[in-house]
């Protein structure tokens, strides 16, 4: 498929290729840097518990450390599953899918951004863009999570800290959006820290 650097300028297919490679990088990094160390720490605390025979202050501290390590590993795994769950949108729609991403602290979202007039294809495209960009923020270790908000034109996605541009992904998203009937508005495609996703009425698409 090529490496991410090569895919950045390869057209819509190359942009999506970059996205797939980036997701794989994200999975590898979480398992190696987050889940692995947390589970190793849990094992060490189990050894301490066994050697202390379940008594004393050291035992209590080891038990608390074990719980914290396991909670950390589980949180990382659950967030990773939410990022890569191919049926997340099918089960909950746009609002349910975004709620799941927010619950795992992948996005900052507090309100339903959708209008009942949106088609399923338009909702799915918006969800995909939000999840892909949230993944990009995780890969880039962005200081701020992606913000998803309602706007007059549709749905607005923003990275407040401007430390994770979606520019490498933008061309691929536009390619998919055209088929779904969604306009992606970006004031500065070369920086791309804020997008507005606006559903295009069916009549307008037909006459275009």
C-alpha atoms as a PDB file:
ATOM      1  CA  UNK A   1       0.000   0.000   0.000  1.00  0.00           C
ATOM      2  CA  UNK A   2       2.947   2.339   0.375  1.00  0.00           C
ATOM      3  CA  UNK A   3       4.062   4.300   3.370  1.00  0.00           C
ATOM      4  CA  UNK A   4       2.116   7.242   4.887  1.00  0.00           C
ATOM      5  CA  UNK A   5       4.540   9.849   3.569  1.00  0.00           C
ATOM      6  CA  UNK A   6       4.112   8.651  -0.014  1.00  0.00           C
ATOM      7  CA  UNK A   7       0.332   8.475   0.269  1.00  0.00           C
ATOM      8  CA  UNK A   8      -0.143  12.109   1.272  1.00  0.00           C
ATOM      9  CA  UNK A   9      -0.013  13.267  -2.358  1.00  0.00           C
ATOM     10  CA  UNK A  10      -1.471  10.287  -4.173  1.00  0.00           C
ATOM     11  CA  UNK A  11      -4.988  11.601  -4.852  1.00  0.00           C
ATOM     12  CA  UNK A  12      -8.198  10.416  -3.124  1.00  0.00           C
ATOM     13  CA  UNK A  13      -7.121   6.766  -3.072  1.00  0.00           C
ATOM     14  CA  UNK A  14      -3.701   7.754  -1.749  1.00  0.00           C
ATOM     15  CA  UNK A  15      -5.289   9.853   1.001  1.00  0.00           C
ATOM     16  CA  UNK A  16      -7.396   6.898   2.109  1.00  0.00           C
ATOM     17  CA  UNK A  17      -4.325   4.672   1.889  1.00  0.00           C
ATOM     18  CA  UNK A  18      -2.598   7.093   4.248  1.00  0.00           C
ATOM     19  CA  UNK A  19      -5.586   6.867   6.589  1.00  0.00           C
ATOM     20  CA  UNK A  20      -5.414   3.055   6.720  1.00  0.00           C
ATOM     21  CA  UNK A  21      -1.667   3.123   7.387  1.00  0.00           C
ATOM     22  CA  UNK A  22      -2.191   5.701  10.121  1.00  0.00           C
ATOM     23  CA  UNK A  23      -4.832   3.573  11.843  1.00  0.00           C
ATOM     24  CA  UNK A  24      -2.479   0.598  11.829  1.00  0.00           C
ATOM     25  CA  UNK A  25       0.201   2.797  13.343  1.00  0.00           C
ATOM     26  CA  UNK A  26      -2.257   3.918  16.024  1.00  0.00           C
ATOM     27  CA  UNK A  27      -3.197   0.300  16.900  1.00  0.00           C
ATOM     28  CA  UNK A  28       0.450  -0.714  17.129  1.00  0.00           C
ATOM     29  CA  UNK A  29       1.377   2.255  19.296  1.00  0.00           C
ATOM     30  CA  UNK A  30      -1.499   1.779  21.752  1.00  0.00           C
ATOM     31  CA  UNK A  31      -0.770  -1.908  22.200  1.00  0.00           C
ATOM     32  CA  UNK A  32       2.974  -1.318  22.570  1.00  0.00           C
ATOM     33  CA  UNK A  33       3.066   1.920  24.575  1.00  0.00           C
ATOM     34  CA  UNK A  34      -0.143   1.807  26.630  1.00  0.00           C
ATOM     35  CA  UNK A  35      -1.651  -1.660  26.982  1.00  0.00           C
ATOM     36  CA  UNK A  36       1.594  -3.625  27.212  1.00  0.00           C
ATOM     37  CA  UNK A  37       3.199  -1.566  30.011  1.00  0.00           C
ATOM     38  CA  UNK A  38      -0.087  -1.442  31.951  1.00  0.00           C
ATOM     39  CA  UNK A  39      -0.430  -5.221  31.862  1.00  0.00           C
ATOM     40  CA  UNK A  40       3.246  -5.654  32.827  1.00  0.00           C
ATOM     41  CA  UNK A  41       2.688  -3.349  35.798  1.00  0.00           C
ATOM     42  CA  UNK A  42      -0.364  -5.392  36.786  1.00  0.00           C
ATOM     43  CA  UNK A  43       1.777  -8.546  36.733  1.00  0.00           C
ATOM     44  CA  UNK A  44       4.382  -6.963  39.007  1.00  0.00           C
ATOM     45  CA  UNK A  45       1.725  -5.971  41.511  1.00  0.00           C
ATOM     46  CA  UNK A  46       0.361  -9.505  41.457  1.00  0.00           C
ATOM     47  CA  UNK A  47       3.847 -10.787  42.344  1.00  0.00           C
ATOM     48  CA  UNK A  48       4.009  -8.324  45.232  1.00  0.00           C
ATOM     49  CA  UNK A  49       0.603  -9.416  46.484  1.00  0.00           C
ATOM     50  CA  UNK A  50       1.680 -13.050  46.386  1.00  0.00           C
ATOM     51  CA  UNK A  51       4.936 -12.394  48.234  1.00  0.00           C
ATOM     52  CA  UNK A  52       3.232 -10.325  50.962  1.00  0.00           C
ATOM     53  CA  UNK A  53       0.668 -13.009  51.679  1.00  0.00           C
ATOM     54  CA  UNK A  54      -2.280 -10.581  51.510  1.00  0.00           C
ATOM     55  CA  UNK A  55      -1.516  -8.588  54.655  1.00  0.00           C
ATOM     56  CA  UNK A  56      -0.200  -5.169  55.650  1.00  0.00           C
ATOM     57  CA  UNK A  57      -0.016  -1.701  54.095  1.00  0.00           C
ATOM     58  CA  UNK A  58       2.206  -2.916  51.256  1.00  0.00           C
ATOM     59  CA  UNK A  59      -0.510  -5.324  50.237  1.00  0.00           C
ATOM     60  CA  UNK A  60      -3.080  -2.512  50.089  1.00  0.00           C
ATOM     61  CA  UNK A  61      -0.812  -0.329  47.956  1.00  0.00           C
ATOM     62  CA  UNK A  62      -0.080  -3.214  45.619  1.00  0.00           C
ATOM     63  CA  UNK A  63      -3.795  -3.959  45.256  1.00  0.00           C
ATOM     64  CA  UNK A  64      -4.493  -0.304  44.421  1.00  0.00           C
ATOM     65  CA  UNK A  65      -1.641  -0.263  41.911  1.00  0.00           C
ATOM     66  CA  UNK A  66      -2.943  -3.443  40.319  1.00  0.00           C
ATOM     67  CA  UNK A  67      -6.411  -1.963  39.934  1.00  0.00           C
ATOM     68  CA  UNK A  68      -5.043   1.252  38.410  1.00  0.00           C
ATOM     69  CA  UNK A  69      -2.884  -0.667  35.921  1.00  0.00           C
ATOM     70  CA  UNK A  70      -5.752  -2.895  34.844  1.00  0.00           C
ATOM     71  CA  UNK A  71      -8.150   0.058  34.543  1.00  0.00           C
ATOM     72  CA  UNK A  72      -5.622   1.880  32.360  1.00  0.00           C
ATOM     73  CA  UNK A  73      -5.153  -1.124  30.074  1.00  0.00           C
ATOM     74  CA  UNK A  74      -8.901  -1.708  29.774  1.00  0.00           C
ATOM     75  CA  UNK A  75      -9.556   1.947  28.962  1.00  0.00           C
ATOM     76  CA  UNK A  76      -6.936   1.875  26.208  1.00  0.00           C
ATOM     77  CA  UNK A  77      -8.352  -1.329  24.728  1.00  0.00           C
ATOM     78  CA  UNK A  78     -11.936  -0.058  24.815  1.00  0.00           C
ATOM     79  CA  UNK A  79     -10.957   3.227  23.154  1.00  0.00           C
ATOM     80  CA  UNK A  80      -9.088   1.309  20.467  1.00  0.00           C
ATOM     81  CA  UNK A  81     -12.098  -0.937  19.873  1.00  0.00           C
ATOM     82  CA  UNK A  82     -14.368   2.101  19.534  1.00  0.00           C
ATOM     83  CA  UNK A  83     -11.995   3.681  17.008  1.00  0.00           C
ATOM     84  CA  UNK A  84     -11.973   0.540  14.862  1.00  0.00           C
ATOM     85  CA  UNK A  85     -15.474  -0.892  15.372  1.00  0.00           C
ATOM     86  CA  UNK A  86     -16.831  -1.173  11.824  1.00  0.00           C
ATOM     87  CA  UNK A  87     -20.409  -1.582  13.117  1.00  0.00           C
ATOM     88  CA  UNK A  88     -20.431   1.392  15.490  1.00  0.00           C
ATOM     89  CA  UNK A  89     -22.428   3.603  13.135  1.00  0.00           C
ATOM     90  CA  UNK A  90     -24.774   0.781  12.103  1.00  0.00           C
ATOM     91  CA  UNK A  91     -25.696   0.143  15.743  1.00  0.00           C
ATOM     92  CA  UNK A  92     -26.193   3.711  16.949  1.00  0.00           C
ATOM     93  CA  UNK A  93     -26.339   6.049  13.979  1.00  0.00           C
ATOM     94  CA  UNK A  94     -24.458   9.335  13.997  1.00  0.00           C
ATOM     95  CA  UNK A  95     -25.537  10.458  17.462  1.00  0.00           C
ATOM     96  CA  UNK A  96     -24.944   7.042  19.022  1.00  0.00           C
ATOM     97  CA  UNK A  97     -21.588   6.664  17.322  1.00  0.00           C
ATOM     98  CA  UNK A  98     -20.394  10.095  18.432  1.00  0.00           C
ATOM     99  CA  UNK A  99     -21.630   9.379  21.958  1.00  0.00           C
ATOM    100  CA  UNK A 100     -19.466   6.237  22.013  1.00  0.00           C
ATOM    101  CA  UNK A 101     -16.404   8.171  20.813  1.00  0.00           C
ATOM    102  CA  UNK A 102     -16.996  10.853  23.455  1.00  0.00           C
ATOM    103  CA  UNK A 103     -17.454   8.247  26.195  1.00  0.00           C
ATOM    104  CA  UNK A 104     -13.976   6.932  25.442  1.00  0.00           C
ATOM    105  CA  UNK A 105     -12.591  10.506  25.382  1.00  0.00           C
ATOM    106  CA  UNK A 106     -11.743  10.351  21.678  1.00  0.00           C
ATOM    107  CA  UNK A 107     -13.757  13.489  20.882  1.00  0.00           C
ATOM    108  CA  UNK A 108     -15.261  16.432  22.753  1.00  0.00           C
ATOM    109  CA  UNK A 109     -19.005  16.333  22.037  1.00  0.00           C
ATOM    110  CA  UNK A 110     -22.046  17.241  24.077  1.00  0.00           C
ATOM    111  CA  UNK A 111     -24.980  17.707  21.729  1.00  0.00           C
ATOM    112  CA  UNK A 112     -26.612  15.936  18.780  1.00  0.00           C
ATOM    113  CA  UNK A 113     -25.309  17.688  15.655  1.00  0.00           C
ATOM    114  CA  UNK A 114     -27.711  16.099  13.204  1.00  0.00           C
ATOM    115  CA  UNK A 115     -30.942  17.192  11.563  1.00  0.00           C
ATOM    116  CA  UNK A 116     -33.686  14.660  10.922  1.00  0.00           C
ATOM    117  CA  UNK A 117     -33.609  15.598   7.217  1.00  0.00           C
ATOM    118  CA  UNK A 118     -30.089  14.199   6.772  1.00  0.00           C
ATOM    119  CA  UNK A 119     -29.884  10.945   4.835  1.00  0.00           C
ATOM    120  CA  UNK A 120     -28.246   7.851   6.278  1.00  0.00           C
ATOM    121  CA  UNK A 121     -25.384   8.233   3.792  1.00  0.00           C
ATOM    122  CA  UNK A 122     -24.811  11.842   4.879  1.00  0.00           C
ATOM    123  CA  UNK A 123     -24.836  10.864   8.558  1.00  0.00           C
ATOM    124  CA  UNK A 124     -22.419   7.990   7.945  1.00  0.00           C
ATOM    125  CA  UNK A 125     -20.015  10.260   6.049  1.00  0.00           C
ATOM    126  CA  UNK A 126     -20.049  12.790   8.896  1.00  0.00           C
ATOM    127  CA  UNK A 127     -19.395  10.048  11.440  1.00  0.00           C
ATOM    128  CA  UNK A 128     -16.527   8.641   9.388  1.00  0.00           C
ATOM    129  CA  UNK A 129     -14.851  12.034   9.090  1.00  0.00           C
ATOM    130  CA  UNK A 130     -15.217  12.662  12.838  1.00  0.00           C
ATOM    131  CA  UNK A 131     -13.815   9.258  13.764  1.00  0.00           C
ATOM    132  CA  UNK A 132     -10.947   9.440  11.262  1.00  0.00           C
ATOM    133  CA  UNK A 133      -9.889  12.871  12.483  1.00  0.00           C
ATOM    134  CA  UNK A 134     -10.155  11.760  16.120  1.00  0.00           C
ATOM    135  CA  UNK A 135      -7.835   8.887  15.215  1.00  0.00           C
ATOM    136  CA  UNK A 136      -5.450  11.350  13.562  1.00  0.00           C
ATOM    137  CA  UNK A 137      -5.379  13.395  16.781  1.00  0.00           C
ATOM    138  CA  UNK A 138      -4.524  10.248  18.723  1.00  0.00           C
ATOM    139  CA  UNK A 139      -1.752   9.397  16.288  1.00  0.00           C
ATOM    140  CA  UNK A 140      -0.331  12.922  16.461  1.00  0.00           C
ATOM    141  CA  UNK A 141      -0.738  12.975  20.272  1.00  0.00           C
ATOM    142  CA  UNK A 142      -2.642  16.247  19.936  1.00  0.00           C
ATOM    143  CA  UNK A 143      -2.933  18.339  23.082  1.00  0.00           C
ATOM    144  CA  UNK A 144      -6.626  18.957  22.380  1.00  0.00           C
ATOM    145  CA  UNK A 145      -9.322  16.476  21.392  1.00  0.00           C
ATOM    146  CA  UNK A 146     -11.382  16.998  18.270  1.00  0.00           C
ATOM    147  CA  UNK A 147     -14.463  19.147  19.008  1.00  0.00           C
ATOM    148  CA  UNK A 148     -17.726  18.234  17.278  1.00  0.00           C
ATOM    149  CA  UNK A 149     -20.483  20.857  17.395  1.00  0.00           C
ATOM    150  CA  UNK A 150     -23.724  21.750  15.681  1.00  0.00           C
ATOM    151  CA  UNK A 151     -23.516  24.672  13.256  1.00  0.00           C
ATOM    152  CA  UNK A 152     -26.085  26.514  11.150  1.00  0.00           C
ATOM    153  CA  UNK A 153     -24.668  24.876   8.036  1.00  0.00           C
ATOM    154  CA  UNK A 154     -24.454  21.354   9.460  1.00  0.00           C
ATOM    155  CA  UNK A 155     -21.673  20.006  11.660  1.00  0.00           C
ATOM    156  CA  UNK A 156     -18.448  21.761  12.644  1.00  0.00           C
ATOM    157  CA  UNK A 157     -15.266  19.871  13.538  1.00  0.00           C
ATOM    158  CA  UNK A 158     -12.386  21.727  15.146  1.00  0.00           C
ATOM    159  CA  UNK A 159      -9.075  21.020  16.849  1.00  0.00           C
ATOM    160  CA  UNK A 160      -8.846  23.985  19.286  1.00  0.00           C
ATOM    161  CA  UNK A 161      -5.105  23.723  19.859  1.00  0.00           C
ATOM    162  CA  UNK A 162      -4.391  23.648  16.108  1.00  0.00           C
ATOM    163  CA  UNK A 163      -1.780  20.941  16.623  1.00  0.00           C
ATOM    164  CA  UNK A 164      -3.368  18.242  14.470  1.00  0.00           C
ATOM    165  CA  UNK A 165      -4.283  19.207  10.917  1.00  0.00           C
ATOM    166  CA  UNK A 166      -6.596  16.962   8.892  1.00  0.00           C
ATOM    167  CA  UNK A 167      -4.994  18.136   5.647  1.00  0.00           C
ATOM    168  CA  UNK A 168      -3.479  14.708   4.708  1.00  0.00           C
ATOM    169  CA  UNK A 169      -6.950  13.124   5.002  1.00  0.00           C
ATOM    170  CA  UNK A 170      -8.986  15.931   3.403  1.00  0.00           C
ATOM    171  CA  UNK A 171      -8.792  14.900  -0.246  1.00  0.00           C
ATOM    172  CA  UNK A 172      -9.986  11.383   0.490  1.00  0.00           C
ATOM    173  CA  UNK A 173     -12.889  12.703   2.564  1.00  0.00           C
ATOM    174  CA  UNK A 174     -13.965  15.031  -0.256  1.00  0.00           C
ATOM    175  CA  UNK A 175     -13.965  12.068  -2.636  1.00  0.00           C
ATOM    176  CA  UNK A 176     -16.360  10.141  -0.372  1.00  0.00           C
ATOM    177  CA  UNK A 177     -18.446  13.216   0.489  1.00  0.00           C
ATOM    178  CA  UNK A 178     -19.309  13.863  -3.153  1.00  0.00           C
ATOM    179  CA  UNK A 179     -21.006  10.465  -3.375  1.00  0.00           C
ATOM    180  CA  UNK A 180     -22.875  10.965  -0.089  1.00  0.00           C
ATOM    181  CA  UNK A 181     -24.107  14.463  -0.923  1.00  0.00           C
ATOM    182  CA  UNK A 182     -22.059  16.319   1.675  1.00  0.00           C
ATOM    183  CA  UNK A 183     -20.093  19.511   1.104  1.00  0.00           C
ATOM    184  CA  UNK A 184     -16.880  19.866   3.100  1.00  0.00           C
ATOM    185  CA  UNK A 185     -16.092  23.519   3.730  1.00  0.00           C
ATOM    186  CA  UNK A 186     -12.554  24.408   4.762  1.00  0.00           C
ATOM    187  CA  UNK A 187     -11.305  28.011   4.924  1.00  0.00           C
ATOM    188  CA  UNK A 188      -7.659  27.003   4.523  1.00  0.00           C
ATOM    189  CA  UNK A 189      -7.073  23.545   2.966  1.00  0.00           C
ATOM    190  CA  UNK A 190      -3.327  23.922   3.502  1.00  0.00           C
ATOM    191  CA  UNK A 191      -3.828  24.065   7.292  1.00  0.00           C
ATOM    192  CA  UNK A 192      -7.264  22.470   7.820  1.00  0.00           C
ATOM    193  CA  UNK A 193      -7.817  22.821  11.560  1.00  0.00           C
ATOM    194  CA  UNK A 194     -11.570  23.394  11.141  1.00  0.00           C
ATOM    195  CA  UNK A 195     -14.149  21.842   8.834  1.00  0.00           C
ATOM    196  CA  UNK A 196     -17.863  22.381   8.304  1.00  0.00           C
ATOM    197  CA  UNK A 197     -19.778  19.418   6.890  1.00  0.00           C
ATOM    198  CA  UNK A 198     -22.920  20.601   5.130  1.00  0.00           C
ATOM    199  CA  UNK A 199     -25.488  18.214   3.614  1.00  0.00           C
ATOM    200  CA  UNK A 200     -26.403  19.153   0.040  1.00  0.00           C
ATOM    201  CA  UNK A 201     -30.151  18.861  -0.729  1.00  0.00           C
ATOM    202  CA  UNK A 202     -30.997  16.178  -3.250  1.00  0.00           C
ATOM    203  CA  UNK A 203     -32.478  18.701  -5.689  1.00  0.00           C
ATOM    204  CA  UNK A 204     -29.303  20.759  -5.676  1.00  0.00           C
ATOM    205  CA  UNK A 205     -27.211  17.680  -6.426  1.00  0.00           C
ATOM    206  CA  UNK A 206     -29.430  16.721  -9.308  1.00  0.00           C
ATOM    207  CA  UNK A 207     -29.212  20.159 -10.898  1.00  0.00           C
ATOM    208  CA  UNK A 208     -25.479  20.572 -10.357  1.00  0.00           C
END
